[in-house]
């Protein structure tokens, strides 16, 4: 399908090509990079930092620190939902840019990305934002003098691996429920379509304590 994608789709400015760890864009420890390709033409769009085991360890430690000491898991569900709604607003405000990244980097139709994929990502965020303050426990029936209840709490750091064919949509299908529950994340996007998540997280600057991005074609090493 890539050979039939609209050739008129312009590649947005590529501003961010590094790993996104602990709220900062950083080079990989090895200094290695890899090419991200426009499948319509086979041309190199840009070079992106190549993460490795050591980079993954840094991201996990940063996400764990954000979970143990940061504000996100300690916010009320309603406050997390409010911030997730804001992120959905930011996606909708930048739908043209994100759709173009999906189209050019993934070999998809721009019109399809603009009409379905990116709005769908925003809707997914809004759905789970609405659920963030509705994660309730249960009061249990006990014998006289006793009280029992269940309490649902965020579990910790969530690891997510994103496929190449619906990069933005699948990113939020995995990230949104974890964020709503108060978890932090380490995300491994597909190396073929890694530009989307970086740019989305740049637009949502206040999320940098929560979302940790690793980009790698060898993230799992022996």
Foldseek 3Di string as FASTA:
>chain_A
DLLPADPPLDQPDQDAQAFQALLDGDAEPVNDWDFAAQVNVRDTPDIHHAHEQVNVVRRQVLQQCCLVPNCQQVDALLVLLVLLLVLLVLLLVCLQNLLSLLCRLQSDHSVCSSPPQSNLLSVLSNVLSVCLNVPAKAWDDDPPPDTDIDGQGQDEEDEEEAESNRRSNRVSVPVRNNSSRRYAYEYEYALSRQSNVVVSCVSSSVCSSGYGYHYHPPHDDD
